[in-house]
Protein backbone atom coordinates (compact mmCIF):
# COMPACT_ATOMS: atom_id res chain seq x y z
CA UNK A 1 0.00 0.00 0.00
CA UNK A 2 1.40 3.39 -1.00
CA UNK A 3 2.34 5.78 1.78
CA UNK A 4 -0.12 8.56 2.53
CA UNK A 5 1.53 11.88 3.31
CA UNK A 6 0.14 13.58 6.40
CA UNK A 7 -1.04 17.18 6.03
CA UNK A 8 -1.63 19.78 8.72
CA UNK A 9 -3.60 22.95 7.99
CA UNK A 10 -3.14 26.23 9.89
CA UNK A 11 -5.74 28.68 8.61
CA UNK A 12 -8.02 30.96 10.62
CA UNK A 13 -10.72 31.39 7.97
CA UNK A 14 -13.06 28.44 8.43
CA UNK A 15 -14.46 28.49 4.89
CA UNK A 16 -10.97 28.46 3.36
CA UNK A 17 -9.83 25.73 5.76
CA UNK A 18 -12.81 23.49 5.03
CA UNK A 19 -12.37 24.01 1.29
CA UNK A 20 -8.71 22.96 1.57
CA UNK A 21 -9.69 19.89 3.57
CA UNK A 22 -12.29 18.82 0.99
CA UNK A 23 -9.79 19.30 -1.80
CA UNK A 24 -6.97 17.41 -0.11
CA UNK A 25 -9.33 14.59 0.87
CA UNK A 26 -9.95 14.08 -2.85
CA UNK A 27 -6.26 13.26 -3.33
CA UNK A 28 -5.63 9.57 -2.53
CA UNK A 29 -1.97 10.12 -1.64
CA UNK A 30 -2.69 12.56 1.22
CA UNK A 31 -4.48 12.45 4.56
CA UNK A 32 -5.43 15.34 6.84
CA UNK A 33 -3.71 14.91 10.20
CA UNK A 34 -5.17 18.02 11.82
CA UNK A 35 -6.55 21.52 11.31
CA UNK A 36 -5.95 24.57 13.52
CA UNK A 37 -6.85 28.26 13.63
CA UNK A 38 -3.42 29.73 14.38
CA UNK A 39 0.21 29.06 15.22
CA UNK A 40 -0.48 28.74 18.93
CA UNK A 41 -2.94 25.92 18.34
CA UNK A 42 -0.48 24.41 15.86
CA UNK A 43 2.14 23.91 18.59
CA UNK A 44 -0.42 22.23 20.84
CA UNK A 45 -1.81 20.03 18.07
CA UNK A 46 1.61 18.75 17.02
CA UNK A 47 2.19 17.70 20.62
CA UNK A 48 -1.13 15.80 20.76
CA UNK A 49 -1.78 14.62 17.19
CA UNK A 50 1.73 14.10 15.88
CA UNK A 51 3.99 15.67 13.26
CA UNK A 52 2.74 16.03 9.66
CA UNK A 53 4.84 15.79 6.52
CA UNK A 54 3.53 19.11 5.18
CA UNK A 55 1.82 22.06 6.83
CA UNK A 56 -0.28 24.48 4.83
CA UNK A 57 0.49 27.70 6.67
CA UNK A 58 -1.64 30.81 6.40
CA UNK A 59 0.57 33.86 6.92
CA UNK A 60 -1.97 36.20 8.54
CA UNK A 61 -3.38 34.48 11.62
CA UNK A 62 -4.22 35.77 15.13
CA UNK A 63 -2.12 35.09 18.25
CA UNK A 64 0.81 33.40 16.49
CA UNK A 65 1.01 34.26 12.78
CA UNK A 66 2.49 32.26 9.92
CA UNK A 67 5.90 33.92 10.12
CA UNK A 68 6.28 33.10 13.81
CA UNK A 69 4.91 29.57 13.44
CA UNK A 70 7.17 28.83 10.46
CA UNK A 71 10.22 30.05 12.37
CA UNK A 72 9.24 27.86 15.34
CA UNK A 73 8.77 24.83 13.10
CA UNK A 74 12.11 25.40 11.39
CA UNK A 75 13.83 25.36 14.79
CA UNK A 76 11.99 22.39 16.30
CA UNK A 77 10.87 20.29 13.31
CA UNK A 78 13.11 21.29 10.37
CA UNK A 79 12.06 18.23 8.38
CA UNK A 80 8.42 19.42 8.23
CA UNK A 81 7.76 21.10 4.91
CA UNK A 82 5.86 24.37 5.21
CA UNK A 83 3.80 25.52 2.24
CA UNK A 84 2.79 29.13 2.89
CA UNK A 85 -0.67 30.41 1.97
CA UNK A 86 -1.42 34.06 1.32
CA UNK A 87 -3.48 36.56 -0.63
CA UNK A 88 -0.33 38.66 -1.12
CA UNK A 89 1.80 38.44 -4.25
CA UNK A 90 4.44 40.49 -2.47
CA UNK A 91 8.19 40.07 -2.95
CA UNK A 92 9.12 41.05 0.61
CA UNK A 93 6.57 38.66 2.13
CA UNK A 94 7.78 35.78 -0.04
CA UNK A 95 11.42 36.42 0.84
CA UNK A 96 10.63 36.63 4.55
CA UNK A 97 8.63 33.40 4.79
CA UNK A 98 11.15 31.45 2.69
CA UNK A 99 14.00 32.82 4.82
CA UNK A 100 12.17 31.61 7.92
CA UNK A 101 12.09 28.08 6.53
CA UNK A 102 9.06 27.68 4.25
CA UNK A 103 9.57 25.40 1.26
CA UNK A 104 6.98 27.03 -0.93
CA UNK A 105 4.43 29.79 -1.37
CA UNK A 106 1.02 29.68 -2.98
CA UNK A 107 -1.71 32.25 -3.44
CA UNK A 108 -5.25 31.69 -2.19
CA UNK A 109 -6.42 32.74 -5.64
CA UNK A 110 -4.82 29.61 -7.13
CA UNK A 111 -6.71 27.11 -9.25
CA UNK A 112 -7.60 23.97 -7.27
CA UNK A 113 -5.32 21.73 -9.37
CA UNK A 114 -2.33 23.85 -8.41
CA UNK A 115 -2.54 22.76 -4.79
CA UNK A 116 -1.81 19.16 -5.73
CA UNK A 117 1.13 20.26 -7.86
CA UNK A 118 2.46 22.38 -4.98
CA UNK A 119 2.18 19.56 -2.45
CA UNK A 120 3.93 17.12 -4.75
CA UNK A 121 6.68 19.63 -5.49
CA UNK A 122 7.53 20.47 -1.87
CA UNK A 123 7.59 16.74 -1.02
CA UNK A 124 9.69 15.63 -3.99
CA UNK A 125 11.72 18.73 -4.82
CA UNK A 126 11.71 20.54 -1.47
CA UNK A 127 10.46 23.72 -3.14
CA UNK A 128 7.52 25.31 -4.92
CA UNK A 129 6.64 28.69 -6.39
CA UNK A 130 3.71 29.02 -8.80
CA UNK A 131 4.12 30.49 -12.24
CA UNK A 132 2.07 33.54 -11.21
CA UNK A 133 4.87 34.38 -8.79
CA UNK A 134 7.95 32.86 -10.37
CA UNK A 135 7.03 34.31 -13.75
CA UNK A 136 6.89 37.76 -12.20
CA UNK A 137 9.93 37.23 -10.05
CA UNK A 138 12.42 35.26 -12.12
CA UNK A 139 12.73 33.16 -15.23
CA UNK A 140 15.67 30.95 -14.31
CA UNK A 141 14.89 29.70 -10.81
CA UNK A 142 13.72 26.29 -11.93
CA UNK A 143 16.92 25.90 -13.97
CA UNK A 144 19.30 26.67 -11.14
CA UNK A 145 21.20 23.41 -11.71
CA UNK A 146 22.41 24.69 -15.09
CA UNK A 147 24.65 27.32 -13.50
CA UNK A 148 28.38 26.62 -13.76
CA UNK A 149 29.73 25.48 -10.39
CA UNK A 150 32.54 28.02 -10.54
CA UNK A 151 29.91 30.76 -10.49
CA UNK A 152 28.73 29.51 -7.09
CA UNK A 153 32.03 30.56 -5.53
CA UNK A 154 31.59 34.05 -4.11
CA UNK A 155 33.89 36.56 -2.47
CA UNK A 156 33.12 37.87 1.02
CA UNK A 157 31.48 41.07 -0.25
CA UNK A 158 29.13 39.10 -2.50
CA UNK A 159 28.24 36.74 0.36
CA UNK A 160 27.51 39.69 2.65
CA UNK A 161 25.42 41.33 -0.05
CA UNK A 162 23.32 38.19 -0.57
CA UNK A 163 22.80 37.74 3.16
CA UNK A 164 21.62 41.34 3.54
CA UNK A 165 19.48 41.00 0.43
CA UNK A 166 17.44 38.38 2.30
CA UNK A 167 16.49 40.92 4.96
CA UNK A 168 13.94 43.72 4.81
CA UNK A 169 16.66 46.33 4.26
CA UNK A 170 16.43 48.60 1.22
CA UNK A 171 19.25 48.74 -1.32
CA UNK A 172 20.32 52.09 0.10
CA UNK A 173 20.42 50.64 3.63
CA UNK A 174 22.45 47.68 2.40
CA UNK A 175 24.93 50.05 0.75
CA UNK A 176 25.30 51.99 4.01
CA UNK A 177 25.73 48.77 6.00
CA UNK A 178 28.48 47.58 3.65
CA UNK A 179 30.13 51.04 3.45
CA UNK A 180 29.85 51.12 -0.32
CA UNK A 181 27.93 53.27 -2.79
CA UNK A 182 24.43 52.48 -4.08
CA UNK A 183 25.99 52.26 -7.54
CA UNK A 184 28.26 49.46 -6.33
CA UNK A 185 25.22 47.68 -4.92
CA UNK A 186 23.62 47.90 -8.37
CA UNK A 187 26.80 46.40 -9.85
CA UNK A 188 26.70 43.49 -7.36
CA UNK A 189 23.06 42.83 -8.15
CA UNK A 190 23.56 42.96 -11.93
CA UNK A 191 26.64 40.74 -11.77
CA UNK A 192 25.00 38.08 -9.60
CA UNK A 193 21.76 38.14 -11.61
CA UNK A 194 23.79 37.47 -14.74
CA UNK A 195 25.75 34.66 -13.06
CA UNK A 196 22.69 32.90 -11.68
CA UNK A 197 20.35 33.58 -14.64
CA UNK A 198 17.74 35.34 -12.53
CA UNK A 199 16.19 38.79 -12.87
CA UNK A 200 15.19 40.21 -9.52
CA UNK A 201 16.00 40.48 -5.82
CA UNK A 202 13.79 37.58 -4.85
CA UNK A 203 15.34 35.51 -7.61
CA UNK A 204 18.78 36.05 -6.09
CA UNK A 205 17.54 35.26 -2.59
CA UNK A 206 15.75 32.08 -3.67
CA UNK A 207 18.77 30.91 -5.64
CA UNK A 208 21.11 31.63 -2.73
CA UNK A 209 18.89 29.76 -0.27
CA UNK A 210 18.53 26.73 -2.52
CA UNK A 211 22.27 26.53 -3.03
CA UNK A 212 23.24 27.05 0.62
CA UNK A 213 24.92 30.38 -0.02
CA UNK A 214 23.17 32.18 2.81
CA UNK A 215 21.90 31.15 6.20
CA UNK A 216 18.17 30.65 6.52
CA UNK A 217 17.43 32.03 9.98
CA UNK A 218 14.82 34.08 11.71
CA UNK A 219 15.48 37.85 11.75
C-alpha atoms as a PDB file:
ATOM      1  CA  UNK A   1       0.000   0.000   0.000  1.00  0.00           C
ATOM      2  CA  UNK A   2       1.400   3.393  -0.998  1.00  0.00           C
ATOM      3  CA  UNK A   3       2.338   5.778   1.778  1.00  0.00           C
ATOM      4  CA  UNK A   4      -0.119   8.557   2.530  1.00  0.00           C
ATOM      5  CA  UNK A   5       1.527  11.878   3.310  1.00  0.00           C
ATOM      6  CA  UNK A   6       0.143  13.579   6.404  1.00  0.00           C
ATOM      7  CA  UNK A   7      -1.037  17.183   6.026  1.00  0.00           C
ATOM      8  CA  UNK A   8      -1.626  19.779   8.720  1.00  0.00           C
ATOM      9  CA  UNK A   9      -3.600  22.954   7.994  1.00  0.00           C
ATOM     10  CA  UNK A  10      -3.136  26.226   9.890  1.00  0.00           C
ATOM     11  CA  UNK A  11      -5.742  28.684   8.608  1.00  0.00           C
ATOM     12  CA  UNK A  12      -8.024  30.956  10.622  1.00  0.00           C
ATOM     13  CA  UNK A  13     -10.722  31.390   7.969  1.00  0.00           C
ATOM     14  CA  UNK A  14     -13.060  28.439   8.432  1.00  0.00           C
ATOM     15  CA  UNK A  15     -14.465  28.490   4.892  1.00  0.00           C
ATOM     16  CA  UNK A  16     -10.975  28.457   3.364  1.00  0.00           C
ATOM     17  CA  UNK A  17      -9.827  25.726   5.764  1.00  0.00           C
ATOM     18  CA  UNK A  18     -12.805  23.488   5.035  1.00  0.00           C
ATOM     19  CA  UNK A  19     -12.371  24.009   1.288  1.00  0.00           C
ATOM     20  CA  UNK A  20      -8.715  22.958   1.568  1.00  0.00           C
ATOM     21  CA  UNK A  21      -9.694  19.886   3.568  1.00  0.00           C
ATOM     22  CA  UNK A  22     -12.291  18.815   0.992  1.00  0.00           C
ATOM     23  CA  UNK A  23      -9.795  19.301  -1.804  1.00  0.00           C
ATOM     24  CA  UNK A  24      -6.970  17.410  -0.108  1.00  0.00           C
ATOM     25  CA  UNK A  25      -9.330  14.588   0.873  1.00  0.00           C
ATOM     26  CA  UNK A  26      -9.953  14.085  -2.847  1.00  0.00           C
ATOM     27  CA  UNK A  27      -6.263  13.262  -3.334  1.00  0.00           C
ATOM     28  CA  UNK A  28      -5.633   9.567  -2.532  1.00  0.00           C
ATOM     29  CA  UNK A  29      -1.974  10.119  -1.638  1.00  0.00           C
ATOM     30  CA  UNK A  30      -2.687  12.556   1.216  1.00  0.00           C
ATOM     31  CA  UNK A  31      -4.476  12.452   4.556  1.00  0.00           C
ATOM     32  CA  UNK A  32      -5.433  15.340   6.840  1.00  0.00           C
ATOM     33  CA  UNK A  33      -3.709  14.909  10.197  1.00  0.00           C
ATOM     34  CA  UNK A  34      -5.167  18.023  11.819  1.00  0.00           C
ATOM     35  CA  UNK A  35      -6.551  21.525  11.306  1.00  0.00           C
ATOM     36  CA  UNK A  36      -5.949  24.568  13.522  1.00  0.00           C
ATOM     37  CA  UNK A  37      -6.846  28.262  13.635  1.00  0.00           C
ATOM     38  CA  UNK A  38      -3.415  29.732  14.377  1.00  0.00           C
ATOM     39  CA  UNK A  39       0.208  29.064  15.221  1.00  0.00           C
ATOM     40  CA  UNK A  40      -0.482  28.740  18.931  1.00  0.00           C
ATOM     41  CA  UNK A  41      -2.944  25.915  18.343  1.00  0.00           C
ATOM     42  CA  UNK A  42      -0.476  24.412  15.865  1.00  0.00           C
ATOM     43  CA  UNK A  43       2.136  23.914  18.592  1.00  0.00           C
ATOM     44  CA  UNK A  44      -0.417  22.227  20.842  1.00  0.00           C
ATOM     45  CA  UNK A  45      -1.812  20.031  18.068  1.00  0.00           C
ATOM     46  CA  UNK A  46       1.609  18.747  17.020  1.00  0.00           C
ATOM     47  CA  UNK A  47       2.190  17.696  20.623  1.00  0.00           C
ATOM     48  CA  UNK A  48      -1.128  15.799  20.763  1.00  0.00           C
ATOM     49  CA  UNK A  49      -1.784  14.619  17.185  1.00  0.00           C
ATOM     50  CA  UNK A  50       1.735  14.103  15.883  1.00  0.00           C
ATOM     51  CA  UNK A  51       3.986  15.672  13.264  1.00  0.00           C
ATOM     52  CA  UNK A  52       2.735  16.025   9.657  1.00  0.00           C
ATOM     53  CA  UNK A  53       4.842  15.785   6.518  1.00  0.00           C
ATOM     54  CA  UNK A  54       3.532  19.111   5.177  1.00  0.00           C
ATOM     55  CA  UNK A  55       1.821  22.064   6.833  1.00  0.00           C
ATOM     56  CA  UNK A  56      -0.277  24.481   4.826  1.00  0.00           C
ATOM     57  CA  UNK A  57       0.490  27.696   6.672  1.00  0.00           C
ATOM     58  CA  UNK A  58      -1.640  30.807   6.398  1.00  0.00           C
ATOM     59  CA  UNK A  59       0.567  33.860   6.918  1.00  0.00           C
ATOM     60  CA  UNK A  60      -1.969  36.198   8.536  1.00  0.00           C
ATOM     61  CA  UNK A  61      -3.379  34.484  11.623  1.00  0.00           C
ATOM     62  CA  UNK A  62      -4.224  35.774  15.128  1.00  0.00           C
ATOM     63  CA  UNK A  63      -2.116  35.089  18.255  1.00  0.00           C
ATOM     64  CA  UNK A  64       0.814  33.404  16.489  1.00  0.00           C
ATOM     65  CA  UNK A  65       1.006  34.265  12.777  1.00  0.00           C
ATOM     66  CA  UNK A  66       2.487  32.258   9.924  1.00  0.00           C
ATOM     67  CA  UNK A  67       5.896  33.917  10.118  1.00  0.00           C
ATOM     68  CA  UNK A  68       6.285  33.099  13.807  1.00  0.00           C
ATOM     69  CA  UNK A  69       4.908  29.574  13.439  1.00  0.00           C
ATOM     70  CA  UNK A  70       7.174  28.826  10.461  1.00  0.00           C
ATOM     71  CA  UNK A  71      10.218  30.051  12.371  1.00  0.00           C
ATOM     72  CA  UNK A  72       9.241  27.858  15.344  1.00  0.00           C
ATOM     73  CA  UNK A  73       8.771  24.829  13.102  1.00  0.00           C
ATOM     74  CA  UNK A  74      12.105  25.399  11.393  1.00  0.00           C
ATOM     75  CA  UNK A  75      13.835  25.358  14.789  1.00  0.00           C
ATOM     76  CA  UNK A  76      11.991  22.387  16.302  1.00  0.00           C
ATOM     77  CA  UNK A  77      10.868  20.289  13.306  1.00  0.00           C
ATOM     78  CA  UNK A  78      13.109  21.292  10.372  1.00  0.00           C
ATOM     79  CA  UNK A  79      12.057  18.228   8.377  1.00  0.00           C
ATOM     80  CA  UNK A  80       8.417  19.417   8.227  1.00  0.00           C
ATOM     81  CA  UNK A  81       7.760  21.104   4.909  1.00  0.00           C
ATOM     82  CA  UNK A  82       5.864  24.373   5.209  1.00  0.00           C
ATOM     83  CA  UNK A  83       3.804  25.523   2.235  1.00  0.00           C
ATOM     84  CA  UNK A  84       2.795  29.125   2.894  1.00  0.00           C
ATOM     85  CA  UNK A  85      -0.671  30.411   1.974  1.00  0.00           C
ATOM     86  CA  UNK A  86      -1.417  34.062   1.320  1.00  0.00           C
ATOM     87  CA  UNK A  87      -3.476  36.562  -0.632  1.00  0.00           C
ATOM     88  CA  UNK A  88      -0.332  38.661  -1.124  1.00  0.00           C
ATOM     89  CA  UNK A  89       1.798  38.440  -4.253  1.00  0.00           C
ATOM     90  CA  UNK A  90       4.441  40.490  -2.469  1.00  0.00           C
ATOM     91  CA  UNK A  91       8.188  40.074  -2.953  1.00  0.00           C
ATOM     92  CA  UNK A  92       9.116  41.053   0.615  1.00  0.00           C
ATOM     93  CA  UNK A  93       6.567  38.662   2.131  1.00  0.00           C
ATOM     94  CA  UNK A  94       7.781  35.782  -0.036  1.00  0.00           C
ATOM     95  CA  UNK A  95      11.425  36.416   0.845  1.00  0.00           C
ATOM     96  CA  UNK A  96      10.634  36.631   4.550  1.00  0.00           C
ATOM     97  CA  UNK A  97       8.627  33.398   4.793  1.00  0.00           C
ATOM     98  CA  UNK A  98      11.148  31.451   2.694  1.00  0.00           C
ATOM     99  CA  UNK A  99      13.995  32.823   4.816  1.00  0.00           C
ATOM    100  CA  UNK A 100      12.171  31.612   7.916  1.00  0.00           C
ATOM    101  CA  UNK A 101      12.090  28.080   6.528  1.00  0.00           C
ATOM    102  CA  UNK A 102       9.058  27.679   4.250  1.00  0.00           C
ATOM    103  CA  UNK A 103       9.571  25.400   1.263  1.00  0.00           C
ATOM    104  CA  UNK A 104       6.977  27.034  -0.929  1.00  0.00           C
ATOM    105  CA  UNK A 105       4.430  29.793  -1.367  1.00  0.00           C
ATOM    106  CA  UNK A 106       1.018  29.681  -2.984  1.00  0.00           C
ATOM    107  CA  UNK A 107      -1.714  32.255  -3.438  1.00  0.00           C
ATOM    108  CA  UNK A 108      -5.249  31.692  -2.186  1.00  0.00           C
ATOM    109  CA  UNK A 109      -6.419  32.738  -5.640  1.00  0.00           C
ATOM    110  CA  UNK A 110      -4.824  29.612  -7.129  1.00  0.00           C
ATOM    111  CA  UNK A 111      -6.709  27.109  -9.253  1.00  0.00           C
ATOM    112  CA  UNK A 112      -7.601  23.966  -7.269  1.00  0.00           C
ATOM    113  CA  UNK A 113      -5.323  21.733  -9.374  1.00  0.00           C
ATOM    114  CA  UNK A 114      -2.333  23.855  -8.415  1.00  0.00           C
ATOM    115  CA  UNK A 115      -2.537  22.762  -4.787  1.00  0.00           C
ATOM    116  CA  UNK A 116      -1.813  19.161  -5.725  1.00  0.00           C
ATOM    117  CA  UNK A 117       1.131  20.259  -7.864  1.00  0.00           C
ATOM    118  CA  UNK A 118       2.458  22.380  -4.984  1.00  0.00           C
ATOM    119  CA  UNK A 119       2.183  19.560  -2.448  1.00  0.00           C
ATOM    120  CA  UNK A 120       3.933  17.123  -4.754  1.00  0.00           C
ATOM    121  CA  UNK A 121       6.681  19.631  -5.494  1.00  0.00           C
ATOM    122  CA  UNK A 122       7.530  20.467  -1.871  1.00  0.00           C
ATOM    123  CA  UNK A 123       7.594  16.744  -1.018  1.00  0.00           C
ATOM    124  CA  UNK A 124       9.692  15.627  -3.991  1.00  0.00           C
ATOM    125  CA  UNK A 125      11.722  18.733  -4.821  1.00  0.00           C
ATOM    126  CA  UNK A 126      11.708  20.538  -1.466  1.00  0.00           C
ATOM    127  CA  UNK A 127      10.459  23.720  -3.139  1.00  0.00           C
ATOM    128  CA  UNK A 128       7.518  25.312  -4.924  1.00  0.00           C
ATOM    129  CA  UNK A 129       6.644  28.694  -6.395  1.00  0.00           C
ATOM    130  CA  UNK A 130       3.714  29.017  -8.804  1.00  0.00           C
ATOM    131  CA  UNK A 131       4.120  30.494 -12.239  1.00  0.00           C
ATOM    132  CA  UNK A 132       2.072  33.538 -11.209  1.00  0.00           C
ATOM    133  CA  UNK A 133       4.869  34.380  -8.788  1.00  0.00           C
ATOM    134  CA  UNK A 134       7.946  32.860 -10.369  1.00  0.00           C
ATOM    135  CA  UNK A 135       7.034  34.313 -13.745  1.00  0.00           C
ATOM    136  CA  UNK A 136       6.891  37.758 -12.203  1.00  0.00           C
ATOM    137  CA  UNK A 137       9.927  37.228 -10.047  1.00  0.00           C
ATOM    138  CA  UNK A 138      12.422  35.261 -12.121  1.00  0.00           C
ATOM    139  CA  UNK A 139      12.732  33.160 -15.230  1.00  0.00           C
ATOM    140  CA  UNK A 140      15.674  30.954 -14.311  1.00  0.00           C
ATOM    141  CA  UNK A 141      14.889  29.700 -10.811  1.00  0.00           C
ATOM    142  CA  UNK A 142      13.724  26.286 -11.934  1.00  0.00           C
ATOM    143  CA  UNK A 143      16.923  25.897 -13.968  1.00  0.00           C
ATOM    144  CA  UNK A 144      19.305  26.673 -11.135  1.00  0.00           C
ATOM    145  CA  UNK A 145      21.201  23.408 -11.712  1.00  0.00           C
ATOM    146  CA  UNK A 146      22.415  24.685 -15.090  1.00  0.00           C
ATOM    147  CA  UNK A 147      24.654  27.323 -13.502  1.00  0.00           C
ATOM    148  CA  UNK A 148      28.376  26.617 -13.764  1.00  0.00           C
ATOM    149  CA  UNK A 149      29.725  25.484 -10.391  1.00  0.00           C
ATOM    150  CA  UNK A 150      32.541  28.018 -10.539  1.00  0.00           C
ATOM    151  CA  UNK A 151      29.909  30.764 -10.490  1.00  0.00           C
ATOM    152  CA  UNK A 152      28.728  29.508  -7.092  1.00  0.00           C
ATOM    153  CA  UNK A 153      32.032  30.564  -5.532  1.00  0.00           C
ATOM    154  CA  UNK A 154      31.589  34.049  -4.105  1.00  0.00           C
ATOM    155  CA  UNK A 155      33.886  36.561  -2.468  1.00  0.00           C
ATOM    156  CA  UNK A 156      33.116  37.867   1.025  1.00  0.00           C
ATOM    157  CA  UNK A 157      31.480  41.066  -0.247  1.00  0.00           C
ATOM    158  CA  UNK A 158      29.132  39.101  -2.500  1.00  0.00           C
ATOM    159  CA  UNK A 159      28.235  36.737   0.358  1.00  0.00           C
ATOM    160  CA  UNK A 160      27.508  39.685   2.646  1.00  0.00           C
ATOM    161  CA  UNK A 161      25.419  41.334  -0.054  1.00  0.00           C
ATOM    162  CA  UNK A 162      23.317  38.187  -0.570  1.00  0.00           C
ATOM    163  CA  UNK A 163      22.800  37.743   3.165  1.00  0.00           C
ATOM    164  CA  UNK A 164      21.619  41.344   3.540  1.00  0.00           C
ATOM    165  CA  UNK A 165      19.477  41.000   0.433  1.00  0.00           C
ATOM    166  CA  UNK A 166      17.440  38.377   2.301  1.00  0.00           C
ATOM    167  CA  UNK A 167      16.485  40.915   4.963  1.00  0.00           C
ATOM    168  CA  UNK A 168      13.936  43.718   4.808  1.00  0.00           C
ATOM    169  CA  UNK A 169      16.662  46.327   4.260  1.00  0.00           C
ATOM    170  CA  UNK A 170      16.435  48.604   1.222  1.00  0.00           C
ATOM    171  CA  UNK A 171      19.249  48.739  -1.315  1.00  0.00           C
ATOM    172  CA  UNK A 172      20.317  52.093   0.104  1.00  0.00           C
ATOM    173  CA  UNK A 173      20.421  50.644   3.628  1.00  0.00           C
ATOM    174  CA  UNK A 174      22.448  47.675   2.395  1.00  0.00           C
ATOM    175  CA  UNK A 175      24.926  50.051   0.752  1.00  0.00           C
ATOM    176  CA  UNK A 176      25.298  51.988   4.012  1.00  0.00           C
ATOM    177  CA  UNK A 177      25.726  48.767   6.001  1.00  0.00           C
ATOM    178  CA  UNK A 178      28.477  47.584   3.647  1.00  0.00           C
ATOM    179  CA  UNK A 179      30.129  51.035   3.453  1.00  0.00           C
ATOM    180  CA  UNK A 180      29.851  51.117  -0.322  1.00  0.00           C
ATOM    181  CA  UNK A 181      27.927  53.269  -2.787  1.00  0.00           C
ATOM    182  CA  UNK A 182      24.426  52.480  -4.085  1.00  0.00           C
ATOM    183  CA  UNK A 183      25.993  52.261  -7.543  1.00  0.00           C
ATOM    184  CA  UNK A 184      28.263  49.465  -6.332  1.00  0.00           C
ATOM    185  CA  UNK A 185      25.223  47.677  -4.924  1.00  0.00           C
ATOM    186  CA  UNK A 186      23.621  47.897  -8.370  1.00  0.00           C
ATOM    187  CA  UNK A 187      26.796  46.401  -9.851  1.00  0.00           C
ATOM    188  CA  UNK A 188      26.695  43.495  -7.363  1.00  0.00           C
ATOM    189  CA  UNK A 189      23.062  42.829  -8.153  1.00  0.00           C
ATOM    190  CA  UNK A 190      23.563  42.964 -11.926  1.00  0.00           C
ATOM    191  CA  UNK A 191      26.637  40.740 -11.774  1.00  0.00           C
ATOM    192  CA  UNK A 192      24.996  38.076  -9.602  1.00  0.00           C
ATOM    193  CA  UNK A 193      21.763  38.135 -11.607  1.00  0.00           C
ATOM    194  CA  UNK A 194      23.792  37.472 -14.737  1.00  0.00           C
ATOM    195  CA  UNK A 195      25.751  34.661 -13.058  1.00  0.00           C
ATOM    196  CA  UNK A 196      22.690  32.900 -11.682  1.00  0.00           C
ATOM    197  CA  UNK A 197      20.346  33.576 -14.638  1.00  0.00           C
ATOM    198  CA  UNK A 198      17.740  35.340 -12.526  1.00  0.00           C
ATOM    199  CA  UNK A 199      16.192  38.786 -12.869  1.00  0.00           C
ATOM    200  CA  UNK A 200      15.189  40.209  -9.516  1.00  0.00           C
ATOM    201  CA  UNK A 201      16.005  40.478  -5.824  1.00  0.00           C
ATOM    202  CA  UNK A 202      13.794  37.582  -4.847  1.00  0.00           C
ATOM    203  CA  UNK A 203      15.344  35.507  -7.608  1.00  0.00           C
ATOM    204  CA  UNK A 204      18.779  36.052  -6.089  1.00  0.00           C
ATOM    205  CA  UNK A 205      17.536  35.256  -2.593  1.00  0.00           C
ATOM    206  CA  UNK A 206      15.751  32.079  -3.674  1.00  0.00           C
ATOM    207  CA  UNK A 207      18.774  30.908  -5.641  1.00  0.00           C
ATOM    208  CA  UNK A 208      21.113  31.634  -2.733  1.00  0.00           C
ATOM    209  CA  UNK A 209      18.888  29.759  -0.273  1.00  0.00           C
ATOM    210  CA  UNK A 210      18.526  26.734  -2.525  1.00  0.00           C
ATOM    211  CA  UNK A 211      22.266  26.530  -3.029  1.00  0.00           C
ATOM    212  CA  UNK A 212      23.237  27.054   0.620  1.00  0.00           C
ATOM    213  CA  UNK A 213      24.918  30.379  -0.018  1.00  0.00           C
ATOM    214  CA  UNK A 214      23.173  32.177   2.814  1.00  0.00           C
ATOM    215  CA  UNK A 215      21.899  31.154   6.198  1.00  0.00           C
ATOM    216  CA  UNK A 216      18.169  30.652   6.521  1.00  0.00           C
ATOM    217  CA  UNK A 217      17.434  32.026   9.977  1.00  0.00           C
ATOM    218  CA  UNK A 218      14.820  34.077  11.706  1.00  0.00           C
ATOM    219  CA  UNK A 219      15.480  37.847  11.746  1.00  0.00           C
END
